[in-house]
PDB file of N, CA and C in Angstrom:
ATOM      1  N   UNK A   1     -26.733-142.041 126.426  1.00  0.00           N
ATOM      2  CA  UNK A   1     -27.934-142.749 126.792  1.00  0.00           C
ATOM      3  C   UNK A   1     -29.155-141.839 126.598  1.00  0.00           C
ATOM      4  N   UNK A   2     -29.248-140.710 127.210  1.00  0.00           N
ATOM      5  CA  UNK A   2     -30.375-139.795 127.084  1.00  0.00           C
ATOM      6  C   UNK A   2     -29.963-138.496 126.412  1.00  0.00           C
ATOM      7  N   UNK A   3     -29.042-138.534 125.517  1.00  0.00           N
ATOM      8  CA  UNK A   3     -28.600-137.325 124.824  1.00  0.00           C
ATOM      9  C   UNK A   3     -27.594-136.571 125.671  1.00  0.00           C
ATOM     10  N   UNK A   4     -27.941-135.350 126.077  1.00  0.00           N
ATOM     11  CA  UNK A   4     -27.005-134.533 126.834  1.00  0.00           C
ATOM     12  C   UNK A   4     -27.089-134.774 128.339  1.00  0.00           C
ATOM     13  N   UNK A   5     -28.017-135.631 128.794  1.00  0.00           N
ATOM     14  CA  UNK A   5     -28.111-135.944 130.221  1.00  0.00           C
ATOM     15  C   UNK A   5     -27.172-137.100 130.517  1.00  0.00           C
ATOM     16  N   UNK A   6     -26.191-136.846 131.364  1.00  0.00           N
ATOM     17  CA  UNK A   6     -25.230-137.880 131.739  1.00  0.00           C
ATOM     18  C   UNK A   6     -25.678-138.618 132.983  1.00  0.00           C
ATOM     19  N   UNK A   7     -24.836-139.534 133.432  1.00  0.00           N
ATOM     20  CA  UNK A   7     -25.156-140.332 134.613  1.00  0.00           C
ATOM     21  C   UNK A   7     -25.224-139.471 135.877  1.00  0.00           C
ATOM     22  N   UNK A   8     -24.309-138.534 136.122  1.00  0.00           N
ATOM     23  CA  UNK A   8     -24.414-137.721 137.343  1.00  0.00           C
ATOM     24  C   UNK A   8     -25.703-136.884 137.389  1.00  0.00           C
ATOM     25  N   UNK A   9     -26.120-136.325 136.252  1.00  0.00           N
ATOM     26  CA  UNK A   9     -27.345-135.539 136.211  1.00  0.00           C
ATOM     27  C   UNK A   9     -28.569-136.406 136.484  1.00  0.00           C
ATOM     28  N   UNK A  10     -28.564-137.617 135.937  1.00  0.00           N
ATOM     29  CA  UNK A  10     -29.669-138.535 136.139  1.00  0.00           C
ATOM     30  C   UNK A  10     -29.791-138.932 137.604  1.00  0.00           C
ATOM     31  N   UNK A  11     -28.667-139.183 138.270  1.00  0.00           N
ATOM     32  CA  UNK A  11     -28.676-139.534 139.692  1.00  0.00           C
ATOM     33  C   UNK A  11     -29.227-138.369 140.517  1.00  0.00           C
ATOM     34  N   UNK A  12     -28.820-137.160 140.209  1.00  0.00           N
ATOM     35  CA  UNK A  12     -29.310-135.987 140.942  1.00  0.00           C
ATOM     36  C   UNK A  12     -30.822-135.847 140.768  1.00  0.00           C
ATOM     37  N   UNK A  13     -31.326-136.038 139.550  1.00  0.00           N
ATOM     38  CA  UNK A  13     -32.769-135.951 139.297  1.00  0.00           C
ATOM     39  C   UNK A  13     -33.515-137.018 140.089  1.00  0.00           C
ATOM     40  N   UNK A  14     -32.998-138.232 140.123  1.00  0.00           N
ATOM     41  CA  UNK A  14     -33.656-139.305 140.867  1.00  0.00           C
ATOM     42  C   UNK A  14     -33.656-139.040 142.365  1.00  0.00           C
ATOM     43  N   UNK A  15     -32.566-138.507 142.905  1.00  0.00           N
ATOM     44  CA  UNK A  15     -32.493-138.191 144.340  1.00  0.00           C
ATOM     45  C   UNK A  15     -33.496-137.091 144.684  1.00  0.00           C
ATOM     46  N   UNK A  16     -33.601-136.069 143.855  1.00  0.00           N
ATOM     47  CA  UNK A  16     -34.558-134.988 144.103  1.00  0.00           C
ATOM     48  C   UNK A  16     -35.992-135.524 144.036  1.00  0.00           C
ATOM     49  N   UNK A  17     -36.283-136.381 143.066  1.00  0.00           N
ATOM     50  CA  UNK A  17     -37.611-136.981 142.951  1.00  0.00           C
ATOM     51  C   UNK A  17     -37.916-137.847 144.163  1.00  0.00           C
ATOM     52  N   UNK A  18     -36.927-138.576 144.665  1.00  0.00           N
ATOM     53  CA  UNK A  18     -37.105-139.412 145.848  1.00  0.00           C
ATOM     54  C   UNK A  18     -37.406-138.556 147.073  1.00  0.00           C
ATOM     55  N   UNK A  19     -36.741-137.429 147.204  1.00  0.00           N
ATOM     56  CA  UNK A  19     -36.977-136.530 148.339  1.00  0.00           C
ATOM     57  C   UNK A  19     -38.369-135.901 148.234  1.00  0.00           C
ATOM     58  N   UNK A  20     -38.753-135.458 147.054  1.00  0.00           N
ATOM     59  CA  UNK A  20     -40.036-134.767 146.886  1.00  0.00           C
ATOM     60  C   UNK A  20     -41.216-135.725 147.025  1.00  0.00           C
ATOM     61  N   UNK A  21     -41.182-136.850 146.341  1.00  0.00           N
ATOM     62  CA  UNK A  21     -42.340-137.740 146.295  1.00  0.00           C
ATOM     63  C   UNK A  21     -42.288-138.853 147.338  1.00  0.00           C
ATOM     64  N   UNK A  22     -41.148-139.199 147.849  1.00  0.00           N
ATOM     65  CA  UNK A  22     -41.033-140.274 148.828  1.00  0.00           C
ATOM     66  C   UNK A  22     -40.894-141.619 148.152  1.00  0.00           C
ATOM     67  N   UNK A  23     -40.414-142.587 148.912  1.00  0.00           N
ATOM     68  CA  UNK A  23     -40.151-143.913 148.327  1.00  0.00           C
ATOM     69  C   UNK A  23     -41.420-144.690 147.970  1.00  0.00           C
ATOM     70  N   UNK A  24     -42.563-144.356 148.575  1.00  0.00           N
ATOM     71  CA  UNK A  24     -43.790-145.104 148.285  1.00  0.00           C
ATOM     72  C   UNK A  24     -44.459-144.645 147.000  1.00  0.00           C
ATOM     73  N   UNK A  25     -44.369-143.379 146.681  1.00  0.00           N
ATOM     74  CA  UNK A  25     -45.023-142.843 145.484  1.00  0.00           C
ATOM     75  C   UNK A  25     -44.165-142.956 144.233  1.00  0.00           C
ATOM     76  N   UNK A  26     -42.869-143.086 144.387  1.00  0.00           N
ATOM     77  CA  UNK A  26     -41.973-143.084 143.226  1.00  0.00           C
ATOM     78  C   UNK A  26     -42.256-144.221 142.244  1.00  0.00           C
ATOM     79  N   UNK A  27     -42.433-145.477 142.683  1.00  0.00           N
ATOM     80  CA  UNK A  27     -42.746-146.541 141.706  1.00  0.00           C
ATOM     81  C   UNK A  27     -44.072-146.309 140.981  1.00  0.00           C
ATOM     82  N   UNK A  28     -45.071-145.789 141.699  1.00  0.00           N
ATOM     83  CA  UNK A  28     -46.363-145.506 141.076  1.00  0.00           C
ATOM     84  C   UNK A  28     -46.238-144.415 140.024  1.00  0.00           C
ATOM     85  N   UNK A  29     -45.461-143.386 140.325  1.00  0.00           N
ATOM     86  CA  UNK A  29     -45.237-142.317 139.353  1.00  0.00           C
ATOM     87  C   UNK A  29     -44.480-142.832 138.134  1.00  0.00           C
ATOM     88  N   UNK A  30     -43.515-143.708 138.354  1.00  0.00           N
ATOM     89  CA  UNK A  30     -42.764-144.292 137.236  1.00  0.00           C
ATOM     90  C   UNK A  30     -43.656-145.102 136.316  1.00  0.00           C
ATOM     91  N   UNK A  31     -44.562-145.904 136.923  1.00  0.00           N
ATOM     92  CA  UNK A  31     -45.484-146.702 136.112  1.00  0.00           C
ATOM     93  C   UNK A  31     -46.423-145.815 135.302  1.00  0.00           C
ATOM     94  N   UNK A  32     -46.971-144.795 135.938  1.00  0.00           N
ATOM     95  CA  UNK A  32     -47.894-143.926 135.200  1.00  0.00           C
ATOM     96  C   UNK A  32     -47.165-143.152 134.106  1.00  0.00           C
ATOM     97  N   UNK A  33     -45.926-142.751 134.364  1.00  0.00           N
ATOM     98  CA  UNK A  33     -45.135-142.083 133.328  1.00  0.00           C
ATOM     99  C   UNK A  33     -44.856-143.035 132.170  1.00  0.00           C
ATOM    100  N   UNK A  34     -44.528-144.271 132.469  1.00  0.00           N
ATOM    101  CA  UNK A  34     -44.288-145.274 131.428  1.00  0.00           C
ATOM    102  C   UNK A  34     -45.517-145.540 130.586  1.00  0.00           C
ATOM    103  N   UNK A  35     -46.679-145.626 131.247  1.00  0.00           N
ATOM    104  CA  UNK A  35     -47.930-145.828 130.497  1.00  0.00           C
ATOM    105  C   UNK A  35     -48.220-144.646 129.592  1.00  0.00           C
ATOM    106  N   UNK A  36     -48.012-143.446 130.112  1.00  0.00           N
ATOM    107  CA  UNK A  36     -48.268-142.246 129.304  1.00  0.00           C
ATOM    108  C   UNK A  36     -47.364-142.195 128.084  1.00  0.00           C
ATOM    109  N   UNK A  37     -46.104-142.513 128.266  1.00  0.00           N
ATOM    110  CA  UNK A  37     -45.163-142.518 127.145  1.00  0.00           C
ATOM    111  C   UNK A  37     -45.566-143.586 126.130  1.00  0.00           C
ATOM    112  N   UNK A  38     -45.982-144.752 126.613  1.00  0.00           N
ATOM    113  CA  UNK A  38     -46.418-145.822 125.715  1.00  0.00           C
ATOM    114  C   UNK A  38     -47.639-145.435 124.903  1.00  0.00           C
ATOM    115  N   UNK A  39     -48.620-144.793 125.561  1.00  0.00           N
ATOM    116  CA  UNK A  39     -49.810-144.346 124.834  1.00  0.00           C
ATOM    117  C   UNK A  39     -49.462-143.288 123.798  1.00  0.00           C
ATOM    118  N   UNK A  40     -48.553-142.386 124.156  1.00  0.00           N
ATOM    119  CA  UNK A  40     -48.141-141.349 123.211  1.00  0.00           C
ATOM    120  C   UNK A  40     -47.457-141.962 121.991  1.00  0.00           C
ATOM    121  N   UNK A  41     -46.594-142.932 122.222  1.00  0.00           N
ATOM    122  CA  UNK A  41     -45.914-143.596 121.099  1.00  0.00           C
ATOM    123  C   UNK A  41     -46.900-144.332 120.203  1.00  0.00           C
ATOM    124  N   UNK A  42     -47.861-145.026 120.823  1.00  0.00           N
ATOM    125  CA  UNK A  42     -48.870-145.746 120.032  1.00  0.00           C
ATOM    126  C   UNK A  42     -49.680-144.775 119.181  1.00  0.00           C
ATOM    127  N   UNK A  43     -50.089-143.669 119.794  1.00  0.00           N
ATOM    128  CA  UNK A  43     -50.885-142.691 119.049  1.00  0.00           C
ATOM    129  C   UNK A  43     -50.073-142.066 117.921  1.00  0.00           C
ATOM    130  N   UNK A  44     -48.805-141.760 118.178  1.00  0.00           N
ATOM    131  CA  UNK A  44     -47.988-141.153 117.120  1.00  0.00           C
ATOM    132  C   UNK A  44     -47.700-142.154 116.004  1.00  0.00           C
ATOM    133  N   UNK A  45     -47.487-143.411 116.342  1.00  0.00           N
ATOM    134  CA  UNK A  45     -47.285-144.436 115.309  1.00  0.00           C
ATOM    135  C   UNK A  45     -48.554-144.636 114.478  1.00  0.00           C
ATOM    136  N   UNK A  46     -49.709-144.606 115.137  1.00  0.00           N
ATOM    137  CA  UNK A  46     -50.972-144.753 114.406  1.00  0.00           C
ATOM    138  C   UNK A  46     -51.198-143.565 113.471  1.00  0.00           C
ATOM    139  N   UNK A  47     -50.904-142.375 113.954  1.00  0.00           N
ATOM    140  CA  UNK A  47     -51.050-141.183 113.117  1.00  0.00           C
ATOM    141  C   UNK A  47     -50.094-141.244 111.929  1.00  0.00           C
ATOM    142  N   UNK A  48     -48.861-141.643 112.178  1.00  0.00           N
ATOM    143  CA  UNK A  48     -47.871-141.745 111.105  1.00  0.00           C
ATOM    144  C   UNK A  48     -48.305-142.760 110.060  1.00  0.00           C
ATOM    145  N   UNK A  49     -48.795-143.924 110.494  1.00  0.00           N
ATOM    146  CA  UNK A  49     -49.210-144.945 109.526  1.00  0.00           C
ATOM    147  C   UNK A  49     -50.436-144.492 108.740  1.00  0.00           C
ATOM    148  N   UNK A  50     -51.348-143.777 109.393  1.00  0.00           N
ATOM    149  CA  UNK A  50     -52.519-143.257 108.686  1.00  0.00           C
ATOM    150  C   UNK A  50     -52.107-142.250 107.624  1.00  0.00           C
ATOM    151  N   UNK A  51     -51.210-141.346 107.978  1.00  0.00           N
ATOM    152  CA  UNK A  51     -50.743-140.358 107.011  1.00  0.00           C
ATOM    153  C   UNK A  51     -50.006-141.010 105.847  1.00  0.00           C
ATOM    154  N   UNK A  52     -49.154-141.990 106.141  1.00  0.00           N
ATOM    155  CA  UNK A  52     -48.438-142.684 105.076  1.00  0.00           C
ATOM    156  C   UNK A  52     -49.406-143.413 104.146  1.00  0.00           C
ATOM    157  N   UNK A  53     -50.460-144.010 104.710  1.00  0.00           N
ATOM    158  CA  UNK A  53     -51.453-144.708 103.896  1.00  0.00           C
ATOM    159  C   UNK A  53     -52.199-143.724 103.003  1.00  0.00           C
ATOM    160  N   UNK A  54     -52.571-142.573 103.542  1.00  0.00           N
ATOM    161  CA  UNK A  54     -53.263-141.557 102.740  1.00  0.00           C
ATOM    162  C   UNK A  54     -52.367-141.045 101.615  1.00  0.00           C
ATOM    163  N   UNK A  55     -51.098-140.837 101.901  1.00  0.00           N
ATOM    164  CA  UNK A  55     -50.158-140.382 100.873  1.00  0.00           C
ATOM    165  C   UNK A  55     -50.020-141.437  99.783  1.00  0.00           C
ATOM    166  N   UNK A  56     -49.940-142.706 100.191  1.00  0.00           N
ATOM    167  CA  UNK A  56     -49.807-143.798  99.220  1.00  0.00           C
ATOM    168  C   UNK A  56     -51.055-143.871  98.329  1.00  0.00           C
ATOM    169  N   UNK A  57     -52.239-143.693  98.916  1.00  0.00           N
ATOM    170  CA  UNK A  57     -53.477-143.734  98.128  1.00  0.00           C
ATOM    171  C   UNK A  57     -53.519-142.572  97.142  1.00  0.00           C
ATOM    172  N   UNK A  58     -53.134-141.387  97.592  1.00  0.00           N
ATOM    173  CA  UNK A  58     -53.127-140.225  96.701  1.00  0.00           C
ATOM    174  C   UNK A  58     -52.120-140.398  95.564  1.00  0.00           C
ATOM    175  N   UNK A  59     -50.963-140.982  95.857  1.00  0.00           N
ATOM    176  CA  UNK A  59     -49.969-141.228  94.804  1.00  0.00           C
ATOM    177  C   UNK A  59     -50.501-142.238  93.793  1.00  0.00           C
ATOM    178  N   UNK A  60     -51.209-143.263  94.268  1.00  0.00           N
ATOM    179  CA  UNK A  60     -51.770-144.246  93.353  1.00  0.00           C
ATOM    180  C   UNK A  60     -52.851-143.624  92.481  1.00  0.00           C
ATOM    181  N   UNK A  61     -53.639-142.727  93.064  1.00  0.00           N
ATOM    182  CA  UNK A  61     -54.674-142.058  92.270  1.00  0.00           C
ATOM    183  C   UNK A  61     -54.055-141.178  91.193  1.00  0.00           C
ATOM    184  N   UNK A  62     -52.977-140.499  91.511  1.00  0.00           N
ATOM    185  CA  UNK A  62     -52.378-139.593  90.541  1.00  0.00           C
ATOM    186  C   UNK A  62     -51.605-140.334  89.458  1.00  0.00           C
ATOM    187  N   UNK A  63     -51.091-141.523  89.743  1.00  0.00           N
ATOM    188  CA  UNK A  63     -50.327-142.261  88.743  1.00  0.00           C
ATOM    189  C   UNK A  63     -51.188-143.241  87.955  1.00  0.00           C
ATOM    190  N   UNK A  64     -52.391-143.551  88.429  1.00  0.00           N
ATOM    191  CA  UNK A  64     -53.253-144.513  87.744  1.00  0.00           C
ATOM    192  C   UNK A  64     -53.796-143.871  86.466  1.00  0.00           C
ATOM    193  N   UNK A  65     -53.878-144.655  85.376  1.00  0.00           N
ATOM    194  CA  UNK A  65     -54.453-144.102  84.142  1.00  0.00           C
ATOM    195  C   UNK A  65     -55.938-143.844  84.337  1.00  0.00           C
ATOM    196  N   UNK A  66     -56.407-142.794  83.706  1.00  0.00           N
ATOM    197  CA  UNK A  66     -57.820-142.445  83.826  1.00  0.00           C
ATOM    198  C   UNK A  66     -58.638-143.405  82.969  1.00  0.00           C
ATOM    199  N   UNK A  67     -59.754-143.942  83.499  1.00  0.00           N
ATOM    200  CA  UNK A  67     -60.577-144.880  82.733  1.00  0.00           C
ATOM    201  C   UNK A  67     -61.299-144.142  81.604  1.00  0.00           C
ATOM    202  N   UNK A  68     -61.585-144.887  80.523  1.00  0.00           N
ATOM    203  CA  UNK A  68     -62.310-144.305  79.388  1.00  0.00           C
ATOM    204  C   UNK A  68     -63.692-143.920  79.860  1.00  0.00           C
ATOM    205  N   UNK A  69     -64.160-142.779  79.387  1.00  0.00           N
ATOM    206  CA  UNK A  69     -65.461-142.304  79.852  1.00  0.00           C
ATOM    207  C   UNK A  69     -66.553-143.193  79.280  1.00  0.00           C
ATOM    208  N   UNK A  70     -67.493-143.548  80.115  1.00  0.00           N
ATOM    209  CA  UNK A  70     -68.604-144.394  79.686  1.00  0.00           C
ATOM    210  C   UNK A  70     -69.584-143.544  78.899  1.00  0.00           C
ATOM    211  N   UNK A  71     -70.311-144.195  77.981  1.00  0.00           N
ATOM    212  CA  UNK A  71     -71.264-143.429  77.180  1.00  0.00           C
ATOM    213  C   UNK A  71     -72.354-142.884  78.094  1.00  0.00           C
ATOM    214  N   UNK A  72     -72.852-141.737  77.738  1.00  0.00           N
ATOM    215  CA  UNK A  72     -73.859-141.094  78.582  1.00  0.00           C
ATOM    216  C   UNK A  72     -75.219-141.759  78.438  1.00  0.00           C
ATOM    217  N   UNK A  73     -75.366-142.580  77.391  1.00  0.00           N
ATOM    218  CA  UNK A  73     -76.634-143.267  77.208  1.00  0.00           C
ATOM    219  C   UNK A  73     -76.697-144.473  78.117  1.00  0.00           C
ATOM    220  N   UNK A  74     -77.757-144.556  78.829  1.00  0.00           N
ATOM    221  CA  UNK A  74     -77.975-145.733  79.655  1.00  0.00           C
ATOM    222  C   UNK A  74     -79.249-146.394  79.194  1.00  0.00           C
ATOM    223  N   UNK A  75     -79.253-147.694  79.187  1.00  0.00           N
ATOM    224  CA  UNK A  75     -80.428-148.411  78.744  1.00  0.00           C
ATOM    225  C   UNK A  75     -81.387-148.524  79.917  1.00  0.00           C
ATOM    226  N   UNK A  76     -82.619-148.149  79.669  1.00  0.00           N
ATOM    227  CA  UNK A  76     -83.632-148.247  80.704  1.00  0.00           C
ATOM    228  C   UNK A  76     -84.776-149.076  80.169  1.00  0.00           C
ATOM    229  N   UNK A  77     -85.526-149.652  81.072  1.00  0.00           N
ATOM    230  CA  UNK A  77     -86.695-150.422  80.679  1.00  0.00           C
ATOM    231  C   UNK A  77     -87.786-149.451  80.256  1.00  0.00           C
ATOM    232  N   UNK A  78     -88.611-149.853  79.291  1.00  0.00           N
ATOM    233  CA  UNK A  78     -89.731-148.974  78.905  1.00  0.00           C
ATOM    234  C   UNK A  78     -90.696-148.848  80.069  1.00  0.00           C
ATOM    235  N   UNK A  79     -91.468-147.785  80.102  1.00  0.00           N
ATOM    236  CA  UNK A  79     -92.413-147.608  81.202  1.00  0.00           C
ATOM    237  C   UNK A  79     -93.422-148.736  81.226  1.00  0.00           C
ATOM    238  N   UNK A  80     -93.896-149.060  82.393  1.00  0.00           N
ATOM    239  CA  UNK A  80     -94.853-150.157  82.547  1.00  0.00           C
ATOM    240  C   UNK A  80     -96.189-149.766  81.938  1.00  0.00           C
ATOM    241  N   UNK A  81     -96.840-150.753  81.282  1.00  0.00           N
ATOM    242  CA  UNK A  81     -98.128-150.521  80.636  1.00  0.00           C
ATOM    243  C   UNK A  81     -99.137-151.479  81.237  1.00  0.00           C
ATOM    244  N   UNK A  82    -100.401-151.076  81.224  1.00  0.00           N
ATOM    245  CA  UNK A  82    -101.417-152.014  81.730  1.00  0.00           C
ATOM    246  C   UNK A  82    -101.511-153.218  80.804  1.00  0.00           C
ATOM    247  N   UNK A  83    -101.800-154.356  81.350  1.00  0.00           N
ATOM    248  CA  UNK A  83    -101.922-155.573  80.539  1.00  0.00           C
ATOM    249  C   UNK A  83    -103.187-155.514  79.701  1.00  0.00           C
ATOM    250  N   UNK A  84    -103.106-156.066  78.523  1.00  0.00           N
ATOM    251  CA  UNK A  84    -104.251-156.033  77.597  1.00  0.00           C
ATOM    252  C   UNK A  84    -105.338-156.969  78.098  1.00  0.00           C
ATOM    253  N   UNK A  85    -106.582-156.528  78.019  1.00  0.00           N
ATOM    254  CA  UNK A  85    -107.707-157.378  78.381  1.00  0.00           C
ATOM    255  C   UNK A  85    -107.961-157.416  79.865  1.00  0.00           C
ATOM    256  N   UNK A  86    -107.278-156.678  80.605  1.00  0.00           N
ATOM    257  CA  UNK A  86    -107.477-156.707  82.043  1.00  0.00           C
ATOM    258  C   UNK A  86    -108.269-155.485  82.441  1.00  0.00           C
ATOM    259  N   UNK A  87    -109.355-155.716  83.121  1.00  0.00           N
ATOM    260  CA  UNK A  87    -110.186-154.593  83.542  1.00  0.00           C
ATOM    261  C   UNK A  87    -109.722-154.020  84.868  1.00  0.00           C
ATOM    262  N   UNK A  88    -108.915-154.751  85.581  1.00  0.00           N
ATOM    263  CA  UNK A  88    -108.474-154.271  86.900  1.00  0.00           C
ATOM    264  C   UNK A  88    -107.331-153.263  86.764  1.00  0.00           C
ATOM    265  N   UNK A  89    -106.747-153.165  85.600  1.00  0.00           N
ATOM    266  CA  UNK A  89    -105.682-152.195  85.394  1.00  0.00           C
ATOM    267  C   UNK A  89    -104.376-152.583  86.090  1.00  0.00           C
ATOM    268  N   UNK A  90    -104.063-153.856  86.123  1.00  0.00           N
ATOM    269  CA  UNK A  90    -102.814-154.296  86.743  1.00  0.00           C
ATOM    270  C   UNK A  90    -101.646-153.943  85.843  1.00  0.00           C
ATOM    271  N   UNK A  91    -100.529-153.701  86.456  1.00  0.00           N
ATOM    272  CA  UNK A  91     -99.317-153.330  85.733  1.00  0.00           C
ATOM    273  C   UNK A  91     -98.375-154.493  85.665  1.00  0.00           C
ATOM    274  N   UNK A  92     -97.636-154.567  84.612  1.00  0.00           N
ATOM    275  CA  UNK A  92     -96.647-155.630  84.518  1.00  0.00           C
ATOM    276  C   UNK A  92     -95.269-155.102  84.690  1.00  0.00           C
TER     277      UNK A  92
END
């Protein structure tokens, strides 16, 4: 059940905990221990899934074919010039 901890050892641990903490505190301690274990499992599962996702993304990047390099020339609009016949110097 718990690896090398058998039933007699588990009973002894529970009796000692009952003597130390008393019957009123024992259920509260059990609940808080259960919550802590649950939070730890959630955090470790989240970390594991994040790492697996990062590994999968890196593998996809390394196996994906490299795209053809785009030409370095880019088409740009000519600089704006003042409109002909306009004395106000408006730009188009």
